């Protein structure tokens, strides 16, 4: 996959190195020539100096053949402008914009643009960690309505089955890791000691899940 990443800050450089390490064709755009120093020695992609919303810079980076375009600069305005150019003018199939302001992220999501708000995600993550310390929240979906959590099977759950830990529309067992191997359980799968259980949980059902697992309420 040919990927263009605008911005070589903390997020942009990490995404660039990750994609490059996975064998993708990565091009990084940044107006600061010193920013690319963040890229490690193993980075095998291209570097283009300039503004990521400049048409000529984008063409030099190969946007006409790009499969994906990521905006990860420190400016929300620049990220949105570049993302809209990539999506609406050059018709790049996959476009993701990183935004600091969660209100802007919601607006552009409604317009069909994929956005990632690190501010919103971070706030939700901190809230979940503080509110439910015995549940390890791995990922938050939407604006925090649904969480993916992992928990080791407590003693009171051993011998019970997945159906007994499932609440339609609120709590669902996604997978179980047993002896370092993950699998998709069915409703009749019984929990065993040492199982790591991944669950998708509605935010309003977190307290209920803790009660079902016999965890201490905070």
N, C-alpha and C. Protein backbone atom coordinates (compact mmCIF):
# COMPACT_ATOMS: atom_id res chain seq x y z
N UNK A 1 0.84 -1.19 0.00
CA UNK A 1 0.00 0.00 0.00
C UNK A 1 0.88 1.25 0.00
N UNK A 2 0.54 2.22 -0.84
CA UNK A 2 1.28 3.48 -0.90
C UNK A 2 0.61 4.47 0.04
N UNK A 3 1.36 4.92 1.05
CA UNK A 3 0.82 5.79 2.09
C UNK A 3 1.61 7.10 2.12
N UNK A 4 0.88 8.21 2.21
CA UNK A 4 1.51 9.51 2.38
C UNK A 4 1.11 10.04 3.76
N UNK A 5 2.09 10.48 4.53
CA UNK A 5 1.83 10.97 5.88
C UNK A 5 2.33 12.40 5.98
N UNK A 6 1.41 13.32 6.27
CA UNK A 6 1.77 14.72 6.41
C UNK A 6 2.02 15.03 7.88
N UNK A 7 3.22 15.48 8.19
CA UNK A 7 3.56 15.78 9.57
C UNK A 7 4.47 14.71 10.15
N UNK A 8 5.63 15.12 10.62
CA UNK A 8 6.59 14.16 11.16
C UNK A 8 6.88 14.47 12.63
N UNK A 9 5.80 14.75 13.37
CA UNK A 9 5.93 14.93 14.81
C UNK A 9 5.91 13.58 15.50
N UNK A 10 5.48 13.56 16.76
CA UNK A 10 5.49 12.31 17.52
C UNK A 10 4.57 11.25 16.89
N UNK A 11 3.36 11.69 16.53
CA UNK A 11 2.40 10.74 15.96
C UNK A 11 2.80 10.37 14.53
N UNK A 12 3.06 11.37 13.72
CA UNK A 12 3.38 11.12 12.31
C UNK A 12 4.61 10.25 12.14
N UNK A 13 5.65 10.50 12.92
CA UNK A 13 6.87 9.71 12.79
C UNK A 13 6.64 8.26 13.21
N UNK A 14 5.85 8.05 14.26
CA UNK A 14 5.59 6.68 14.72
C UNK A 14 4.77 5.91 13.70
N UNK A 15 3.75 6.56 13.15
CA UNK A 15 2.93 5.91 12.12
C UNK A 15 3.79 5.59 10.90
N UNK A 16 4.64 6.53 10.52
CA UNK A 16 5.51 6.33 9.35
C UNK A 16 6.44 5.14 9.55
N UNK A 17 7.08 5.07 10.71
CA UNK A 17 8.00 3.96 10.98
C UNK A 17 7.25 2.63 11.04
N UNK A 18 6.06 2.64 11.64
CA UNK A 18 5.27 1.41 11.74
C UNK A 18 4.87 0.91 10.36
N UNK A 19 4.34 1.80 9.52
CA UNK A 19 3.90 1.41 8.19
C UNK A 19 5.08 0.95 7.34
N UNK A 20 6.22 1.64 7.46
CA UNK A 20 7.40 1.27 6.70
C UNK A 20 7.92 -0.10 7.13
N UNK A 21 7.91 -0.34 8.44
CA UNK A 21 8.39 -1.63 8.97
C UNK A 21 7.52 -2.79 8.50
N UNK A 22 6.26 -2.49 8.19
CA UNK A 22 5.34 -3.52 7.72
C UNK A 22 5.42 -3.71 6.20
N UNK A 23 6.35 -3.01 5.57
CA UNK A 23 6.57 -3.22 4.14
C UNK A 23 5.80 -2.30 3.22
N UNK A 24 5.13 -1.28 3.76
CA UNK A 24 4.36 -0.37 2.92
C UNK A 24 5.26 0.71 2.32
N UNK A 25 4.83 1.26 1.20
CA UNK A 25 5.54 2.33 0.52
C UNK A 25 5.12 3.65 1.16
N UNK A 26 5.99 4.22 1.99
CA UNK A 26 5.63 5.40 2.79
C UNK A 26 6.39 6.64 2.33
N UNK A 27 5.65 7.74 2.20
CA UNK A 27 6.25 9.04 1.90
C UNK A 27 5.82 10.01 2.99
N UNK A 28 6.79 10.71 3.57
CA UNK A 28 6.52 11.68 4.64
C UNK A 28 6.67 13.09 4.10
N UNK A 29 5.68 13.94 4.42
CA UNK A 29 5.74 15.35 4.03
C UNK A 29 5.87 16.20 5.30
N UNK A 30 6.83 17.11 5.33
CA UNK A 30 6.94 18.05 6.45
C UNK A 30 7.71 19.28 5.96
N UNK A 31 7.25 20.45 6.41
CA UNK A 31 7.91 21.68 5.98
C UNK A 31 9.19 21.95 6.75
N UNK A 32 9.34 21.29 7.90
CA UNK A 32 10.53 21.46 8.74
C UNK A 32 11.55 20.37 8.40
N UNK A 33 12.66 20.74 7.83
CA UNK A 33 13.66 19.76 7.42
C UNK A 33 14.26 19.01 8.60
N UNK A 34 14.18 19.60 9.79
CA UNK A 34 14.73 18.94 10.98
C UNK A 34 13.77 17.90 11.56
N UNK A 35 12.48 17.99 11.19
CA UNK A 35 11.49 17.10 11.76
C UNK A 35 11.75 15.64 11.41
N UNK A 36 12.29 15.42 10.23
CA UNK A 36 12.51 14.04 9.78
C UNK A 36 13.61 13.35 10.57
N UNK A 37 14.30 14.11 11.43
CA UNK A 37 15.32 13.49 12.28
C UNK A 37 14.68 12.51 13.26
N UNK A 38 13.35 12.66 13.46
CA UNK A 38 12.64 11.75 14.37
C UNK A 38 12.53 10.35 13.78
N UNK A 39 12.67 10.23 12.48
CA UNK A 39 12.56 8.92 11.83
C UNK A 39 13.83 8.11 12.13
N UNK A 40 13.63 6.87 12.51
CA UNK A 40 14.77 6.02 12.85
C UNK A 40 15.59 5.63 11.65
N UNK A 41 16.75 5.04 11.88
CA UNK A 41 17.65 4.65 10.78
C UNK A 41 17.08 3.55 9.89
N UNK A 42 16.08 2.85 10.39
CA UNK A 42 15.50 1.75 9.61
C UNK A 42 14.38 2.21 8.68
N UNK A 43 14.04 3.49 8.73
CA UNK A 43 12.97 3.99 7.88
C UNK A 43 13.40 3.94 6.42
N UNK A 44 12.59 3.29 5.59
CA UNK A 44 12.96 3.07 4.19
C UNK A 44 12.13 3.91 3.21
N UNK A 45 11.31 4.81 3.75
CA UNK A 45 10.43 5.58 2.88
C UNK A 45 11.08 6.82 2.31
N UNK A 46 10.27 7.61 1.61
CA UNK A 46 10.71 8.87 1.01
C UNK A 46 10.36 10.03 1.91
N UNK A 47 11.06 11.14 1.74
CA UNK A 47 10.80 12.36 2.50
C UNK A 47 10.66 13.52 1.51
N UNK A 48 9.58 14.26 1.63
CA UNK A 48 9.35 15.43 0.77
C UNK A 48 9.19 16.64 1.68
N UNK A 49 9.96 17.68 1.42
CA UNK A 49 9.89 18.90 2.23
C UNK A 49 8.89 19.88 1.60
N UNK A 50 8.00 20.39 2.43
CA UNK A 50 7.01 21.34 1.94
C UNK A 50 5.74 21.27 2.75
N UNK A 51 4.73 22.02 2.32
CA UNK A 51 3.43 22.05 3.00
C UNK A 51 2.53 20.97 2.43
N UNK A 52 1.89 20.23 3.32
CA UNK A 52 1.08 19.10 2.89
C UNK A 52 -0.21 19.44 2.20
N UNK A 53 -0.56 20.74 2.15
CA UNK A 53 -1.76 21.11 1.39
C UNK A 53 -1.41 21.87 0.11
N UNK A 54 -0.11 21.88 -0.22
CA UNK A 54 0.35 22.47 -1.48
C UNK A 54 0.21 21.43 -2.59
N UNK A 55 -0.51 21.78 -3.64
CA UNK A 55 -0.79 20.84 -4.72
C UNK A 55 0.49 20.24 -5.31
N UNK A 56 1.48 21.10 -5.58
CA UNK A 56 2.72 20.61 -6.19
C UNK A 56 3.47 19.67 -5.26
N UNK A 57 3.46 19.98 -3.97
CA UNK A 57 4.11 19.11 -2.99
C UNK A 57 3.42 17.75 -2.93
N UNK A 58 2.11 17.78 -2.96
CA UNK A 58 1.34 16.53 -2.93
C UNK A 58 1.62 15.67 -4.16
N UNK A 59 1.68 16.32 -5.31
CA UNK A 59 1.96 15.58 -6.54
C UNK A 59 3.38 14.99 -6.50
N UNK A 60 4.32 15.79 -5.98
CA UNK A 60 5.69 15.27 -5.85
C UNK A 60 5.73 14.06 -4.93
N UNK A 61 4.88 14.07 -3.92
CA UNK A 61 4.84 12.95 -2.96
C UNK A 61 4.14 11.72 -3.56
N UNK A 62 3.48 11.90 -4.70
CA UNK A 62 2.83 10.77 -5.36
C UNK A 62 1.39 10.56 -4.97
N UNK A 63 0.67 11.64 -4.64
CA UNK A 63 -0.70 11.49 -4.18
C UNK A 63 -1.64 10.94 -5.25
N UNK A 64 -1.29 11.14 -6.49
CA UNK A 64 -2.15 10.63 -7.57
C UNK A 64 -2.17 9.11 -7.61
N UNK A 65 -1.20 8.47 -6.95
CA UNK A 65 -1.15 7.01 -6.90
C UNK A 65 -1.32 6.48 -5.48
N UNK A 66 -1.63 7.36 -4.55
CA UNK A 66 -1.69 6.97 -3.14
C UNK A 66 -2.94 6.15 -2.81
N UNK A 67 -2.74 5.18 -1.95
CA UNK A 67 -3.86 4.38 -1.44
C UNK A 67 -4.40 4.96 -0.14
N UNK A 68 -3.55 5.70 0.57
CA UNK A 68 -3.96 6.27 1.85
C UNK A 68 -3.21 7.57 2.11
N UNK A 69 -3.87 8.48 2.82
CA UNK A 69 -3.28 9.77 3.16
C UNK A 69 -3.60 10.09 4.61
N UNK A 70 -2.58 10.41 5.40
CA UNK A 70 -2.76 10.70 6.82
C UNK A 70 -2.24 12.10 7.11
N UNK A 71 -3.06 12.91 7.80
CA UNK A 71 -2.61 14.23 8.22
C UNK A 71 -2.39 14.20 9.73
N UNK A 72 -1.16 14.45 10.13
CA UNK A 72 -0.80 14.35 11.55
C UNK A 72 0.08 15.51 11.98
N UNK A 73 -0.13 16.68 11.38
CA UNK A 73 0.67 17.85 11.77
C UNK A 73 0.12 18.43 13.07
N UNK A 74 0.75 19.48 13.58
CA UNK A 74 0.32 20.09 14.83
C UNK A 74 -0.81 21.10 14.64
N UNK A 75 -1.23 21.31 13.39
CA UNK A 75 -2.29 22.28 13.10
C UNK A 75 -3.57 21.59 12.65
N UNK A 76 -4.66 21.78 13.38
CA UNK A 76 -5.94 21.22 12.99
C UNK A 76 -6.38 21.76 11.63
N UNK A 77 -6.20 23.07 11.42
CA UNK A 77 -6.62 23.67 10.15
C UNK A 77 -5.87 23.06 8.97
N UNK A 78 -4.54 22.94 9.10
CA UNK A 78 -3.74 22.35 8.02
C UNK A 78 -4.14 20.90 7.78
N UNK A 79 -4.41 20.17 8.84
CA UNK A 79 -4.79 18.76 8.70
C UNK A 79 -6.11 18.61 7.95
N UNK A 80 -7.08 19.46 8.30
CA UNK A 80 -8.38 19.39 7.63
C UNK A 80 -8.29 19.79 6.17
N UNK A 81 -7.58 20.89 5.89
CA UNK A 81 -7.44 21.35 4.50
C UNK A 81 -6.77 20.27 3.65
N UNK A 82 -5.67 19.72 4.14
CA UNK A 82 -4.95 18.69 3.38
C UNK A 82 -5.80 17.44 3.20
N UNK A 83 -6.51 17.05 4.25
CA UNK A 83 -7.34 15.85 4.16
C UNK A 83 -8.46 16.02 3.14
N UNK A 84 -9.07 17.19 3.10
CA UNK A 84 -10.16 17.43 2.15
C UNK A 84 -9.64 17.49 0.72
N UNK A 85 -8.44 18.05 0.53
CA UNK A 85 -7.83 18.07 -0.80
C UNK A 85 -7.57 16.64 -1.27
N UNK A 86 -7.00 15.84 -0.37
CA UNK A 86 -6.68 14.45 -0.73
C UNK A 86 -7.94 13.67 -1.07
N UNK A 87 -8.98 13.89 -0.31
CA UNK A 87 -10.22 13.12 -0.49
C UNK A 87 -11.06 13.63 -1.66
N UNK A 88 -11.24 14.94 -1.74
CA UNK A 88 -12.18 15.50 -2.71
C UNK A 88 -11.56 15.80 -4.07
N UNK A 89 -10.27 16.14 -4.11
CA UNK A 89 -9.63 16.47 -5.39
C UNK A 89 -8.88 15.29 -5.98
N UNK A 90 -8.07 14.63 -5.14
CA UNK A 90 -7.26 13.53 -5.66
C UNK A 90 -7.91 12.15 -5.45
N UNK A 91 -9.05 12.13 -4.77
CA UNK A 91 -9.84 10.90 -4.60
C UNK A 91 -9.03 9.76 -3.97
N UNK A 92 -8.24 10.10 -2.98
CA UNK A 92 -7.48 9.05 -2.27
C UNK A 92 -8.49 8.19 -1.51
N UNK A 93 -8.42 6.86 -1.66
CA UNK A 93 -9.43 5.97 -1.05
C UNK A 93 -9.53 6.06 0.47
N UNK A 94 -8.39 6.17 1.14
CA UNK A 94 -8.40 6.20 2.61
C UNK A 94 -7.71 7.47 3.10
N UNK A 95 -8.46 8.29 3.81
CA UNK A 95 -7.93 9.54 4.34
C UNK A 95 -8.27 9.64 5.82
N UNK A 96 -7.26 9.88 6.63
CA UNK A 96 -7.45 10.02 8.08
C UNK A 96 -6.81 11.32 8.55
N UNK A 97 -7.57 12.11 9.33
CA UNK A 97 -7.06 13.37 9.85
C UNK A 97 -6.99 13.32 11.36
N UNK A 98 -5.82 13.66 11.90
CA UNK A 98 -5.68 13.75 13.36
C UNK A 98 -6.02 15.17 13.78
N UNK A 99 -6.94 15.32 14.73
CA UNK A 99 -7.35 16.63 15.22
C UNK A 99 -7.23 16.70 16.73
N UNK A 100 -6.88 17.87 17.23
CA UNK A 100 -6.82 18.07 18.68
C UNK A 100 -8.20 18.42 19.25
N UNK A 101 -8.96 19.21 18.50
CA UNK A 101 -10.26 19.68 18.97
C UNK A 101 -11.33 18.63 18.69
N UNK A 102 -11.88 17.97 19.72
CA UNK A 102 -12.87 16.92 19.49
C UNK A 102 -14.15 17.44 18.85
N UNK A 103 -14.48 18.73 19.05
CA UNK A 103 -15.69 19.29 18.44
C UNK A 103 -15.54 19.34 16.92
N UNK A 104 -14.36 19.71 16.47
CA UNK A 104 -14.11 19.71 15.03
C UNK A 104 -14.14 18.30 14.48
N UNK A 105 -13.58 17.36 15.22
CA UNK A 105 -13.56 15.97 14.78
C UNK A 105 -14.97 15.46 14.53
N UNK A 106 -15.91 15.79 15.41
CA UNK A 106 -17.29 15.35 15.26
C UNK A 106 -17.93 15.96 14.03
N UNK A 107 -17.66 17.24 13.79
CA UNK A 107 -18.24 17.93 12.63
C UNK A 107 -17.79 17.27 11.34
N UNK A 108 -16.49 17.03 11.22
CA UNK A 108 -15.96 16.47 9.97
C UNK A 108 -16.29 14.99 9.82
N UNK A 109 -16.50 14.30 10.92
CA UNK A 109 -16.96 12.91 10.83
C UNK A 109 -18.34 12.86 10.20
N UNK A 110 -19.19 13.82 10.58
CA UNK A 110 -20.54 13.87 10.00
C UNK A 110 -20.50 14.19 8.52
N UNK A 111 -19.41 14.82 8.07
CA UNK A 111 -19.25 15.13 6.64
C UNK A 111 -18.58 13.97 5.89
N UNK A 112 -18.32 12.88 6.60
CA UNK A 112 -17.77 11.71 5.94
C UNK A 112 -16.27 11.60 5.96
N UNK A 113 -15.60 12.47 6.73
CA UNK A 113 -14.14 12.43 6.80
C UNK A 113 -13.72 11.68 8.07
N UNK A 114 -12.84 10.71 7.92
CA UNK A 114 -12.37 9.95 9.08
C UNK A 114 -11.41 10.80 9.89
N UNK A 115 -11.74 11.00 11.18
CA UNK A 115 -10.90 11.82 12.04
C UNK A 115 -10.55 11.07 13.31
N UNK A 116 -9.39 11.39 13.86
CA UNK A 116 -8.94 10.83 15.13
C UNK A 116 -8.65 12.00 16.06
N UNK A 117 -9.36 12.07 17.19
CA UNK A 117 -9.12 13.13 18.17
C UNK A 117 -8.38 12.54 19.36
N UNK A 118 -7.08 12.81 19.43
CA UNK A 118 -6.28 12.29 20.53
C UNK A 118 -6.71 12.91 21.86
N UNK A 119 -7.19 14.15 21.82
CA UNK A 119 -7.65 14.81 23.04
C UNK A 119 -8.86 14.09 23.61
N UNK A 120 -9.84 13.84 22.76
CA UNK A 120 -11.06 13.17 23.20
C UNK A 120 -10.77 11.75 23.66
N UNK A 121 -9.95 11.04 22.86
CA UNK A 121 -9.62 9.66 23.23
C UNK A 121 -8.89 9.62 24.57
N UNK A 122 -7.94 10.54 24.76
CA UNK A 122 -7.17 10.56 26.00
C UNK A 122 -8.04 10.84 27.20
N UNK A 123 -8.98 11.79 27.07
CA UNK A 123 -9.87 12.12 28.19
C UNK A 123 -10.74 10.92 28.55
N UNK A 124 -11.30 10.26 27.53
CA UNK A 124 -12.15 9.09 27.79
C UNK A 124 -11.34 7.97 28.43
N UNK A 125 -10.11 7.79 27.95
CA UNK A 125 -9.25 6.72 28.49
C UNK A 125 -8.93 6.96 29.96
N UNK A 126 -8.60 8.20 30.31
CA UNK A 126 -8.29 8.53 31.70
C UNK A 126 -9.51 8.32 32.58
N UNK A 127 -10.68 8.73 32.09
CA UNK A 127 -11.91 8.55 32.86
C UNK A 127 -12.17 7.08 33.14
N UNK A 128 -12.02 6.23 32.11
CA UNK A 128 -12.28 4.80 32.29
C UNK A 128 -11.29 4.18 33.26
N UNK A 129 -10.02 4.58 33.17
CA UNK A 129 -9.00 4.01 34.06
C UNK A 129 -9.28 4.39 35.51
N UNK A 130 -9.67 5.65 35.73
CA UNK A 130 -9.94 6.11 37.08
C UNK A 130 -11.23 5.52 37.64
N UNK A 131 -12.23 5.33 36.78
CA UNK A 131 -13.53 4.88 37.24
C UNK A 131 -13.63 3.37 37.40
N UNK A 132 -12.88 2.63 36.61
CA UNK A 132 -12.98 1.16 36.62
C UNK A 132 -11.57 0.58 36.65
N UNK A 133 -10.93 0.67 37.80
CA UNK A 133 -9.52 0.32 37.91
C UNK A 133 -9.24 -1.16 37.73
N UNK A 134 -10.23 -2.03 37.93
CA UNK A 134 -10.01 -3.47 37.79
C UNK A 134 -10.24 -3.95 36.36
N UNK A 135 -10.74 -3.07 35.50
CA UNK A 135 -10.98 -3.42 34.11
C UNK A 135 -9.98 -2.66 33.25
N UNK A 136 -9.25 -3.38 32.44
CA UNK A 136 -8.25 -2.75 31.58
C UNK A 136 -8.91 -2.37 30.25
N UNK A 137 -9.14 -1.07 30.07
CA UNK A 137 -9.79 -0.59 28.85
C UNK A 137 -8.74 -0.49 27.74
N UNK A 138 -8.92 -1.30 26.69
CA UNK A 138 -7.95 -1.34 25.60
C UNK A 138 -8.26 -0.35 24.49
N UNK A 139 -9.55 -0.11 24.26
CA UNK A 139 -9.93 0.75 23.14
C UNK A 139 -11.31 1.34 23.42
N UNK A 140 -11.51 2.55 22.91
CA UNK A 140 -12.79 3.24 23.07
C UNK A 140 -13.35 3.53 21.69
N UNK A 141 -14.60 3.19 21.48
CA UNK A 141 -15.25 3.40 20.18
C UNK A 141 -16.15 4.62 20.22
N UNK A 142 -16.28 5.26 19.05
CA UNK A 142 -17.13 6.44 18.95
C UNK A 142 -16.65 7.54 19.85
N UNK A 143 -17.56 8.07 20.65
CA UNK A 143 -17.22 9.13 21.60
C UNK A 143 -17.21 8.58 23.03
N UNK A 144 -16.91 7.29 23.15
CA UNK A 144 -16.84 6.68 24.47
C UNK A 144 -18.05 5.84 24.81
N UNK A 145 -18.96 5.66 23.83
CA UNK A 145 -20.17 4.90 24.12
C UNK A 145 -19.88 3.42 24.38
N UNK A 146 -18.87 2.89 23.69
CA UNK A 146 -18.54 1.47 23.82
C UNK A 146 -17.04 1.32 24.07
N UNK A 147 -16.68 0.40 24.97
CA UNK A 147 -15.27 0.15 25.28
C UNK A 147 -14.95 -1.32 25.05
N UNK A 148 -13.69 -1.57 24.66
CA UNK A 148 -13.18 -2.93 24.60
C UNK A 148 -12.31 -3.12 25.83
N UNK A 149 -12.67 -4.06 26.69
CA UNK A 149 -11.93 -4.26 27.94
C UNK A 149 -11.41 -5.69 28.03
N UNK A 150 -10.38 -5.87 28.86
CA UNK A 150 -9.83 -7.20 29.09
C UNK A 150 -9.75 -7.43 30.59
N UNK A 151 -10.06 -8.62 31.01
CA UNK A 151 -10.01 -8.97 32.43
C UNK A 151 -9.68 -10.45 32.56
N UNK A 152 -8.92 -10.80 33.58
CA UNK A 152 -8.65 -12.20 33.85
C UNK A 152 -9.86 -12.80 34.56
N UNK A 153 -10.25 -13.99 34.14
CA UNK A 153 -11.45 -14.62 34.69
C UNK A 153 -11.34 -14.75 36.21
N UNK A 154 -12.25 -14.11 36.96
CA UNK A 154 -12.22 -14.23 38.42
C UNK A 154 -12.71 -15.62 38.85
N UNK A 155 -12.41 -15.99 40.07
CA UNK A 155 -12.74 -17.34 40.56
C UNK A 155 -14.22 -17.65 40.44
N UNK A 156 -15.06 -16.68 40.68
CA UNK A 156 -16.51 -16.96 40.67
C UNK A 156 -17.04 -17.21 39.26
N UNK A 157 -16.21 -16.92 38.24
CA UNK A 157 -16.66 -17.13 36.87
C UNK A 157 -16.23 -18.50 36.32
N UNK A 158 -15.28 -19.15 36.99
CA UNK A 158 -14.77 -20.44 36.51
C UNK A 158 -15.89 -21.47 36.50
N UNK A 159 -16.04 -22.15 35.37
CA UNK A 159 -17.08 -23.16 35.23
C UNK A 159 -18.37 -22.62 34.65
N UNK A 160 -18.52 -21.30 34.65
CA UNK A 160 -19.71 -20.71 34.04
C UNK A 160 -19.44 -20.50 32.54
N UNK A 161 -20.50 -20.27 31.79
CA UNK A 161 -20.31 -20.13 30.35
C UNK A 161 -20.52 -18.70 29.87
N UNK A 162 -20.19 -18.49 28.61
CA UNK A 162 -20.24 -17.16 28.02
C UNK A 162 -21.62 -16.54 28.10
N UNK A 163 -22.65 -17.35 27.92
CA UNK A 163 -24.01 -16.83 27.96
C UNK A 163 -24.33 -16.16 29.29
N UNK A 164 -23.71 -16.64 30.35
CA UNK A 164 -23.98 -16.10 31.67
C UNK A 164 -23.28 -14.76 31.92
N UNK A 165 -22.38 -14.38 31.03
CA UNK A 165 -21.69 -13.10 31.13
C UNK A 165 -22.11 -12.15 30.01
N UNK A 166 -23.12 -12.53 29.28
CA UNK A 166 -23.56 -11.73 28.14
C UNK A 166 -24.89 -11.07 28.43
N UNK A 167 -24.99 -9.79 28.06
CA UNK A 167 -26.24 -9.05 28.18
C UNK A 167 -26.50 -8.41 26.83
N UNK A 168 -27.50 -8.88 26.09
CA UNK A 168 -27.76 -8.34 24.75
C UNK A 168 -27.83 -6.82 24.73
N UNK A 169 -27.05 -6.23 23.82
CA UNK A 169 -27.05 -4.79 23.68
C UNK A 169 -26.21 -4.05 24.70
N UNK A 170 -25.60 -4.78 25.65
CA UNK A 170 -24.82 -4.11 26.69
C UNK A 170 -23.43 -4.72 26.90
N UNK A 171 -23.37 -6.04 27.00
CA UNK A 171 -22.10 -6.72 27.29
C UNK A 171 -21.97 -7.93 26.36
N UNK A 172 -20.84 -8.04 25.68
CA UNK A 172 -20.60 -9.18 24.78
C UNK A 172 -19.17 -9.67 24.93
N UNK A 173 -19.00 -10.99 25.05
CA UNK A 173 -17.66 -11.59 25.11
C UNK A 173 -17.14 -11.70 23.68
N UNK A 174 -16.06 -11.00 23.40
CA UNK A 174 -15.52 -10.95 22.04
C UNK A 174 -14.56 -12.11 21.78
N UNK A 175 -13.65 -12.35 22.72
CA UNK A 175 -12.69 -13.44 22.55
C UNK A 175 -12.16 -13.87 23.91
N UNK A 176 -11.52 -15.04 23.92
CA UNK A 176 -10.88 -15.56 25.11
C UNK A 176 -9.47 -15.98 24.74
N UNK A 177 -8.49 -15.60 25.56
CA UNK A 177 -7.12 -16.06 25.36
C UNK A 177 -6.81 -17.08 26.44
N UNK A 178 -6.48 -18.30 26.00
CA UNK A 178 -6.22 -19.41 26.92
C UNK A 178 -4.92 -20.09 26.52
N UNK A 179 -4.00 -20.19 27.45
CA UNK A 179 -2.69 -20.79 27.15
C UNK A 179 -2.01 -20.08 25.97
N UNK A 180 -2.09 -18.75 25.99
CA UNK A 180 -1.45 -17.90 24.99
C UNK A 180 -2.04 -18.02 23.59
N UNK A 181 -3.23 -18.61 23.49
CA UNK A 181 -3.90 -18.71 22.20
C UNK A 181 -5.31 -18.13 22.31
N UNK A 182 -5.62 -17.21 21.39
CA UNK A 182 -6.94 -16.59 21.41
C UNK A 182 -7.91 -17.35 20.52
N UNK A 183 -9.18 -17.35 20.91
CA UNK A 183 -10.21 -17.98 20.09
C UNK A 183 -11.53 -17.26 20.30
N UNK A 184 -12.44 -17.46 19.36
CA UNK A 184 -13.77 -16.87 19.44
C UNK A 184 -14.70 -17.86 20.14
N UNK A 185 -15.23 -17.51 21.29
CA UNK A 185 -16.09 -18.44 22.03
C UNK A 185 -17.51 -18.45 21.49
N UNK A 186 -18.25 -19.50 21.85
CA UNK A 186 -19.68 -19.56 21.59
C UNK A 186 -20.39 -19.41 22.92
N UNK A 187 -21.70 -19.34 22.91
CA UNK A 187 -22.44 -19.08 24.15
C UNK A 187 -22.21 -20.16 25.20
N UNK A 188 -21.92 -21.38 24.74
CA UNK A 188 -21.75 -22.47 25.69
C UNK A 188 -20.32 -22.67 26.18
N UNK A 189 -19.37 -21.87 25.68
CA UNK A 189 -17.98 -22.00 26.10
C UNK A 189 -17.83 -21.70 27.59
N UNK A 190 -17.18 -22.60 28.32
CA UNK A 190 -16.98 -22.40 29.75
C UNK A 190 -15.67 -21.68 30.02
N UNK A 191 -15.68 -20.82 31.02
CA UNK A 191 -14.48 -20.11 31.42
C UNK A 191 -13.61 -21.01 32.30
N UNK A 192 -12.29 -20.90 32.11
CA UNK A 192 -11.34 -21.68 32.90
C UNK A 192 -10.37 -20.74 33.60
N UNK A 193 -9.73 -21.26 34.63
CA UNK A 193 -8.77 -20.46 35.38
C UNK A 193 -7.64 -19.97 34.46
N UNK A 194 -7.32 -18.70 34.58
CA UNK A 194 -6.26 -18.11 33.76
C UNK A 194 -6.73 -17.52 32.45
N UNK A 195 -8.00 -17.69 32.13
CA UNK A 195 -8.53 -17.12 30.88
C UNK A 195 -8.45 -15.59 30.91
N UNK A 196 -8.04 -15.02 29.79
CA UNK A 196 -8.12 -13.57 29.60
C UNK A 196 -9.32 -13.30 28.71
N UNK A 197 -10.25 -12.55 29.22
CA UNK A 197 -11.52 -12.34 28.53
C UNK A 197 -11.57 -10.93 27.95
N UNK A 198 -11.82 -10.85 26.63
CA UNK A 198 -12.03 -9.56 25.98
C UNK A 198 -13.54 -9.35 25.83
N UNK A 199 -14.01 -8.20 26.27
CA UNK A 199 -15.43 -7.90 26.18
C UNK A 199 -15.66 -6.52 25.57
N UNK A 200 -16.74 -6.40 24.81
CA UNK A 200 -17.19 -5.08 24.38
C UNK A 200 -18.33 -4.69 25.30
N UNK A 201 -18.23 -3.48 25.85
CA UNK A 201 -19.17 -3.07 26.90
C UNK A 201 -19.70 -1.67 26.64
N UNK A 202 -21.00 -1.53 26.77
CA UNK A 202 -21.61 -0.21 26.70
C UNK A 202 -21.16 0.58 27.93
N UNK A 203 -20.85 1.86 27.75
CA UNK A 203 -20.33 2.64 28.87
C UNK A 203 -21.28 2.63 30.07
N UNK A 204 -22.57 2.63 29.80
CA UNK A 204 -23.55 2.63 30.88
C UNK A 204 -23.65 1.29 31.59
N UNK A 205 -22.98 0.25 31.04
CA UNK A 205 -23.05 -1.09 31.62
C UNK A 205 -21.76 -1.49 32.32
N UNK A 206 -20.81 -0.58 32.46
CA UNK A 206 -19.53 -0.91 33.10
C UNK A 206 -19.71 -1.34 34.55
N UNK A 207 -20.55 -0.60 35.28
CA UNK A 207 -20.81 -0.96 36.68
C UNK A 207 -21.48 -2.33 36.77
N UNK A 208 -22.38 -2.60 35.87
CA UNK A 208 -23.06 -3.90 35.85
C UNK A 208 -22.07 -5.03 35.59
N UNK A 209 -21.11 -4.80 34.68
CA UNK A 209 -20.10 -5.81 34.39
C UNK A 209 -19.25 -6.08 35.63
N UNK A 210 -18.87 -5.03 36.33
CA UNK A 210 -18.08 -5.21 37.55
C UNK A 210 -18.84 -6.04 38.57
N UNK A 211 -20.14 -5.82 38.70
CA UNK A 211 -20.95 -6.61 39.62
C UNK A 211 -20.99 -8.08 39.20
N UNK A 212 -21.14 -8.33 37.90
CA UNK A 212 -21.20 -9.71 37.39
C UNK A 212 -19.88 -10.44 37.60
N UNK A 213 -18.77 -9.68 37.57
CA UNK A 213 -17.46 -10.28 37.75
C UNK A 213 -17.05 -10.34 39.22
N UNK A 214 -17.87 -9.73 40.07
CA UNK A 214 -17.55 -9.73 41.49
C UNK A 214 -16.42 -8.80 41.84
N UNK A 215 -16.24 -7.75 41.03
CA UNK A 215 -15.17 -6.78 41.28
C UNK A 215 -15.65 -5.71 42.22
N UNK A 216 -14.72 -5.13 42.94
CA UNK A 216 -15.05 -4.10 43.92
C UNK A 216 -15.47 -2.82 43.21
N UNK A 217 -16.60 -2.25 43.61
CA UNK A 217 -17.06 -0.99 43.03
C UNK A 217 -16.22 0.16 43.54
N UNK A 218 -15.93 1.12 42.70
CA UNK A 218 -15.13 2.29 43.08
C UNK A 218 -16.03 3.50 43.32
